[in-house]
PDB file of N, CA and C in Angstrom:
ATOM      1  N   MET A   1       0.849  -1.176   0.000  1.00  0.00           N
ATOM      2  CA  MET A   1       0.000   0.000   0.000  1.00  0.00           C
ATOM      3  C   MET A   1       0.888   1.230   0.000  1.00  0.00           C
ATOM      4  N   ARG A   2       0.486   2.202  -0.805  1.00  0.00           N
ATOM      5  CA  ARG A   2       1.181   3.484  -0.848  1.00  0.00           C
ATOM      6  C   ARG A   2       0.139   4.605  -0.770  1.00  0.00           C
ATOM      7  N   ALA A   3       0.481   5.639  -0.021  1.00  0.00           N
ATOM      8  CA  ALA A   3      -0.417   6.789   0.110  1.00  0.00           C
ATOM      9  C   ALA A   3       0.420   8.053   0.220  1.00  0.00           C
ATOM     10  N   ASN A   4      -0.217   9.170  -0.045  1.00  0.00           N
ATOM     11  CA  ASN A   4       0.408  10.485   0.056  1.00  0.00           C
ATOM     12  C   ASN A   4      -0.401  11.343   1.014  1.00  0.00           C
ATOM     13  N   VAL A   5       0.236  12.390   1.521  1.00  0.00           N
ATOM     14  CA  VAL A   5      -0.479  13.342   2.367  1.00  0.00           C
ATOM     15  C   VAL A   5      -1.661  13.878   1.573  1.00  0.00           C
ATOM     16  N   GLY A   6      -2.824  13.901   2.200  1.00  0.00           N
ATOM     17  CA  GLY A   6      -4.036  14.377   1.544  1.00  0.00           C
ATOM     18  C   GLY A   6      -4.919  13.253   1.031  1.00  0.00           C
ATOM     19  N   ASP A   7      -4.339  12.059   0.836  1.00  0.00           N
ATOM     20  CA  ASP A   7      -5.159  10.907   0.436  1.00  0.00           C
ATOM     21  C   ASP A   7      -6.107  10.546   1.569  1.00  0.00           C
ATOM     22  N   ARG A   8      -7.164   9.862   1.220  1.00  0.00           N
ATOM     23  CA  ARG A   8      -8.120   9.385   2.218  1.00  0.00           C
ATOM     24  C   ARG A   8      -8.041   7.869   2.282  1.00  0.00           C
ATOM     25  N   LEU A   9      -8.120   7.349   3.488  1.00  0.00           N
ATOM     26  CA  LEU A   9      -8.154   5.908   3.692  1.00  0.00           C
ATOM     27  C   LEU A   9      -9.578   5.524   4.056  1.00  0.00           C
ATOM     28  N   LEU A  10     -10.160   4.636   3.281  1.00  0.00           N
ATOM     29  CA  LEU A  10     -11.488   4.109   3.564  1.00  0.00           C
ATOM     30  C   LEU A  10     -11.288   2.782   4.278  1.00  0.00           C
ATOM     31  N   VAL A  11     -11.618   2.764   5.564  1.00  0.00           N
ATOM     32  CA  VAL A  11     -11.449   1.572   6.388  1.00  0.00           C
ATOM     33  C   VAL A  11     -12.810   0.894   6.498  1.00  0.00           C
ATOM     34  N   HIS A  12     -12.947  -0.252   5.862  1.00  0.00           N
ATOM     35  CA  HIS A  12     -14.217  -0.970   5.868  1.00  0.00           C
ATOM     36  C   HIS A  12     -14.468  -1.590   7.240  1.00  0.00           C
ATOM     37  N   GLY A  13     -15.737  -1.535   7.698  1.00  0.00           N
ATOM     38  CA  GLY A  13     -16.121  -2.195   8.932  1.00  0.00           C
ATOM     39  C   GLY A  13     -15.961  -3.697   8.774  1.00  0.00           C
ATOM     40  N   ARG A  14     -15.420  -4.345   9.794  1.00  0.00           N
ATOM     41  CA  ARG A  14     -15.135  -5.772   9.693  1.00  0.00           C
ATOM     42  C   ARG A  14     -16.286  -6.663  10.136  1.00  0.00           C
ATOM     43  N   THR A  15     -17.135  -6.138  10.987  1.00  0.00           N
ATOM     44  CA  THR A  15     -18.222  -6.956  11.507  1.00  0.00           C
ATOM     45  C   THR A  15     -19.546  -6.224  11.336  1.00  0.00           C
ATOM     46  N   VAL A  16     -20.616  -6.974  11.449  1.00  0.00           N
ATOM     47  CA  VAL A  16     -21.953  -6.397  11.331  1.00  0.00           C
ATOM     48  C   VAL A  16     -22.109  -5.308  12.394  1.00  0.00           C
ATOM     49  N   GLY A  17     -22.617  -4.164  11.990  1.00  0.00           N
ATOM     50  CA  GLY A  17     -22.845  -3.063  12.918  1.00  0.00           C
ATOM     51  C   GLY A  17     -21.703  -2.059  12.963  1.00  0.00           C
ATOM     52  N   HIS A  18     -20.553  -2.400  12.414  1.00  0.00           N
ATOM     53  CA  HIS A  18     -19.445  -1.454  12.358  1.00  0.00           C
ATOM     54  C   HIS A  18     -19.428  -0.810  10.976  1.00  0.00           C
ATOM     55  N   HIS A  19     -19.533   0.489  10.970  1.00  0.00           N
ATOM     56  CA  HIS A  19     -19.602   1.232   9.714  1.00  0.00           C
ATOM     57  C   HIS A  19     -18.208   1.491   9.164  1.00  0.00           C
ATOM     58  N   ASP A  20     -18.149   1.797   7.875  1.00  0.00           N
ATOM     59  CA  ASP A  20     -16.896   2.212   7.260  1.00  0.00           C
ATOM     60  C   ASP A  20     -16.469   3.537   7.879  1.00  0.00           C
ATOM     61  N   ARG A  21     -15.158   3.739   7.969  1.00  0.00           N
ATOM     62  CA  ARG A  21     -14.622   4.995   8.493  1.00  0.00           C
ATOM     63  C   ARG A  21     -13.668   5.578   7.458  1.00  0.00           C
ATOM     64  N   ILE A  22     -13.583   6.901   7.438  1.00  0.00           N
ATOM     65  CA  ILE A  22     -12.697   7.594   6.510  1.00  0.00           C
ATOM     66  C   ILE A  22     -11.699   8.408   7.323  1.00  0.00           C
ATOM     67  N   ALA A  23     -10.422   8.278   6.940  1.00  0.00           N
ATOM     68  CA  ALA A  23      -9.360   9.038   7.593  1.00  0.00           C
ATOM     69  C   ALA A  23      -8.522   9.722   6.528  1.00  0.00           C
ATOM     70  N   GLU A  24      -8.071  10.928   6.821  1.00  0.00           N
ATOM     71  CA  GLU A  24      -7.193  11.651   5.906  1.00  0.00           C
ATOM     72  C   GLU A  24      -5.746  11.447   6.347  1.00  0.00           C
ATOM     73  N   VAL A  25      -4.871  11.157   5.400  1.00  0.00           N
ATOM     74  CA  VAL A  25      -3.452  10.997   5.697  1.00  0.00           C
ATOM     75  C   VAL A  25      -2.856  12.390   5.916  1.00  0.00           C
ATOM     76  N   VAL A  26      -2.327  12.635   7.120  1.00  0.00           N
ATOM     77  CA  VAL A  26      -1.728  13.935   7.414  1.00  0.00           C
ATOM     78  C   VAL A  26      -0.208  13.857   7.451  1.00  0.00           C
ATOM     79  N   GLU A  27       0.349  12.636   7.540  1.00  0.00           N
ATOM     80  CA  GLU A  27       1.796  12.460   7.513  1.00  0.00           C
ATOM     81  C   GLU A  27       2.116  11.025   7.114  1.00  0.00           C
ATOM     82  N   VAL A  28       3.067  10.865   6.221  1.00  0.00           N
ATOM     83  CA  VAL A  28       3.540   9.538   5.825  1.00  0.00           C
ATOM     84  C   VAL A  28       4.826   9.276   6.594  1.00  0.00           C
ATOM     85  N   LEU A  29       4.843   8.217   7.399  1.00  0.00           N
ATOM     86  CA  LEU A  29       5.994   7.936   8.245  1.00  0.00           C
ATOM     87  C   LEU A  29       6.916   6.861   7.677  1.00  0.00           C
ATOM     88  N   GLY A  30       6.447   6.124   6.684  1.00  0.00           N
ATOM     89  CA  GLY A  30       7.256   5.082   6.063  1.00  0.00           C
ATOM     90  C   GLY A  30       7.972   5.606   4.833  1.00  0.00           C
ATOM     91  N   PRO A  31       8.944   4.830   4.349  1.00  0.00           N
ATOM     92  CA  PRO A  31       9.666   5.263   3.146  1.00  0.00           C
ATOM     93  C   PRO A  31       8.819   5.121   1.884  1.00  0.00           C
ATOM     94  N   GLU A  32       8.930   6.092   0.996  1.00  0.00           N
ATOM     95  CA  GLU A  32       8.293   6.057  -0.321  1.00  0.00           C
ATOM     96  C   GLU A  32       6.781   5.821  -0.278  1.00  0.00           C
ATOM     97  N   GLY A  33       6.113   6.432   0.683  1.00  0.00           N
ATOM     98  CA  GLY A  33       4.654   6.361   0.736  1.00  0.00           C
ATOM     99  C   GLY A  33       4.080   5.129   1.409  1.00  0.00           C
ATOM    100  N   THR A  34       4.917   4.331   2.037  1.00  0.00           N
ATOM    101  CA  THR A  34       4.432   3.121   2.696  1.00  0.00           C
ATOM    102  C   THR A  34       4.074   3.407   4.157  1.00  0.00           C
ATOM    103  N   PRO A  35       3.259   2.520   4.765  1.00  0.00           N
ATOM    104  CA  PRO A  35       2.875   2.718   6.168  1.00  0.00           C
ATOM    105  C   PRO A  35       4.101   2.684   7.075  1.00  0.00           C
ATOM    106  N   PRO A  36       3.945   3.227   8.280  1.00  0.00           N
ATOM    107  CA  PRO A  36       2.714   3.728   8.893  1.00  0.00           C
ATOM    108  C   PRO A  36       2.387   5.153   8.466  1.00  0.00           C
ATOM    109  N   TYR A  37       1.129   5.524   8.740  1.00  0.00           N
ATOM    110  CA  TYR A  37       0.617   6.861   8.426  1.00  0.00           C
ATOM    111  C   TYR A  37       0.034   7.497   9.676  1.00  0.00           C
ATOM    112  N   ARG A  38       0.229   8.812   9.795  1.00  0.00           N
ATOM    113  CA  ARG A  38      -0.525   9.563  10.809  1.00  0.00           C
ATOM    114  C   ARG A  38      -1.785  10.017  10.092  1.00  0.00           C
ATOM    115  N   VAL A  39      -2.951   9.692  10.666  1.00  0.00           N
ATOM    116  CA  VAL A  39      -4.223   9.983  10.014  1.00  0.00           C
ATOM    117  C   VAL A  39      -5.147  10.744  10.951  1.00  0.00           C
ATOM    118  N   ARG A  40      -6.101  11.455  10.349  1.00  0.00           N
ATOM    119  CA  ARG A  40      -7.134  12.184  11.114  1.00  0.00           C
ATOM    120  C   ARG A  40      -8.483  11.686  10.634  1.00  0.00           C
ATOM    121  N   PHE A  41      -9.263  11.149  11.560  1.00  0.00           N
ATOM    122  CA  PHE A  41     -10.602  10.674  11.237  1.00  0.00           C
ATOM    123  C   PHE A  41     -11.578  11.846  11.207  1.00  0.00           C
ATOM    124  N   GLU A  42     -12.767  11.597  10.674  1.00  0.00           N
ATOM    125  CA  GLU A  42     -13.768  12.654  10.489  1.00  0.00           C
ATOM    126  C   GLU A  42     -14.163  13.338  11.793  1.00  0.00           C
ATOM    127  N   ASP A  43     -14.041  12.625  12.926  1.00  0.00           N
ATOM    128  CA  ASP A  43     -14.412  13.211  14.217  1.00  0.00           C
ATOM    129  C   ASP A  43     -13.269  14.013  14.838  1.00  0.00           C
ATOM    130  N   GLY A  44     -12.117  14.124  14.116  1.00  0.00           N
ATOM    131  CA  GLY A  44     -10.984  14.894  14.603  1.00  0.00           C
ATOM    132  C   GLY A  44      -9.928  14.068  15.310  1.00  0.00           C
ATOM    133  N   HIS A  45     -10.224  12.804  15.605  1.00  0.00           N
ATOM    134  CA  HIS A  45      -9.277  11.918  16.279  1.00  0.00           C
ATOM    135  C   HIS A  45      -8.092  11.632  15.368  1.00  0.00           C
ATOM    136  N   GLU A  46      -6.870  11.769  15.907  1.00  0.00           N
ATOM    137  CA  GLU A  46      -5.666  11.455  15.136  1.00  0.00           C
ATOM    138  C   GLU A  46      -4.969  10.256  15.745  1.00  0.00           C
ATOM    139  N   THR A  47      -4.376   9.437  14.879  1.00  0.00           N
ATOM    140  CA  THR A  47      -3.639   8.269  15.331  1.00  0.00           C
ATOM    141  C   THR A  47      -2.629   7.870  14.269  1.00  0.00           C
ATOM    142  N   VAL A  48      -1.713   6.992  14.635  1.00  0.00           N
ATOM    143  CA  VAL A  48      -0.768   6.402  13.693  1.00  0.00           C
ATOM    144  C   VAL A  48      -1.272   5.007  13.392  1.00  0.00           C
ATOM    145  N   MET A  49      -1.359   4.667  12.111  1.00  0.00           N
ATOM    146  CA  MET A  49      -1.867   3.346  11.760  1.00  0.00           C
ATOM    147  C   MET A  49      -1.119   2.754  10.586  1.00  0.00           C
ATOM    148  N   SER A  50      -1.081   1.423  10.573  1.00  0.00           N
ATOM    149  CA  SER A  50      -0.597   0.642   9.434  1.00  0.00           C
ATOM    150  C   SER A  50      -1.805  -0.117   8.924  1.00  0.00           C
ATOM    151  N   PRO A  51      -2.471   0.381   7.883  1.00  0.00           N
ATOM    152  CA  PRO A  51      -3.721  -0.195   7.412  1.00  0.00           C
ATOM    153  C   PRO A  51      -3.581  -1.647   6.980  1.00  0.00           C
ATOM    154  N   GLY A  52      -4.654  -2.380   7.181  1.00  0.00           N
ATOM    155  CA  GLY A  52      -4.710  -3.769   6.767  1.00  0.00           C
ATOM    156  C   GLY A  52      -5.407  -3.931   5.430  1.00  0.00           C
ATOM    157  N   PRO A  53      -5.723  -5.177   5.081  1.00  0.00           N
ATOM    158  CA  PRO A  53      -6.335  -5.458   3.779  1.00  0.00           C
ATOM    159  C   PRO A  53      -7.768  -4.944   3.640  1.00  0.00           C
ATOM    160  N   ASP A  54      -8.362  -4.494   4.745  1.00  0.00           N
ATOM    161  CA  ASP A  54      -9.721  -3.967   4.709  1.00  0.00           C
ATOM    162  C   ASP A  54      -9.746  -2.460   4.449  1.00  0.00           C
ATOM    163  N   THR A  55      -8.602  -1.896   4.018  1.00  0.00           N
ATOM    164  CA  THR A  55      -8.489  -0.463   3.785  1.00  0.00           C
ATOM    165  C   THR A  55      -8.168  -0.166   2.322  1.00  0.00           C
ATOM    166  N   VAL A  56      -8.780   0.902   1.810  1.00  0.00           N
ATOM    167  CA  VAL A  56      -8.582   1.314   0.420  1.00  0.00           C
ATOM    168  C   VAL A  56      -8.083   2.757   0.417  1.00  0.00           C
ATOM    169  N   VAL A  57      -7.066   3.037  -0.395  1.00  0.00           N
ATOM    170  CA  VAL A  57      -6.538   4.398  -0.525  1.00  0.00           C
ATOM    171  C   VAL A  57      -7.293   5.108  -1.641  1.00  0.00           C
ATOM    172  N   ARG A  58      -7.770   6.312  -1.322  1.00  0.00           N
ATOM    173  CA  ARG A  58      -8.464   7.130  -2.328  1.00  0.00           C
ATOM    174  C   ARG A  58      -7.768   8.479  -2.414  1.00  0.00           C
ATOM    175  N   PRO A  59      -7.368   8.891  -3.616  1.00  0.00           N
ATOM    176  CA  PRO A  59      -6.731  10.214  -3.761  1.00  0.00           C
ATOM    177  C   PRO A  59      -7.742  11.314  -3.448  1.00  0.00           C
ATOM    178  N   PRO A  60      -7.235  12.508  -3.133  1.00  0.00           N
ATOM    179  CA  PRO A  60      -8.161  13.617  -2.841  1.00  0.00           C
ATOM    180  C   PRO A  60      -9.015  13.945  -4.063  1.00  0.00           C
ATOM    181  N   GLU A  61     -10.235  14.348  -3.807  1.00  0.00           N
ATOM    182  CA  GLU A  61     -11.138  14.724  -4.905  1.00  0.00           C
ATOM    183  C   GLU A  61     -10.713  16.068  -5.466  1.00  0.00           C
ATOM    184  N   PRO A  62     -10.751  16.219  -6.803  1.00  0.00           N
ATOM    185  CA  PRO A  62     -10.364  17.508  -7.390  1.00  0.00           C
ATOM    186  C   PRO A  62     -11.287  18.637  -6.935  1.00  0.00           C
ATOM    187  N   ALA A  63     -10.701  19.799  -6.769  1.00  0.00           N
ATOM    188  CA  ALA A  63     -11.498  20.946  -6.297  1.00  0.00           C
ATOM    189  C   ALA A  63     -12.328  21.555  -7.390  1.00  0.00           C
TER     190      ALA A  63
END
């Protein structure tokens, strides 16, 4: 997986009742765009994560 600052990570819910979550990549901590990433979720929560196979990288939408 590779991502850039500004990309969005779509984290799919793994179990029934858990919704998909979207996080914006605010810092790439790995070499050449690889994890881990510092991300900010829609509720403002920030964390460092290494996304799993249930995550999809989406580039920022054009303005």
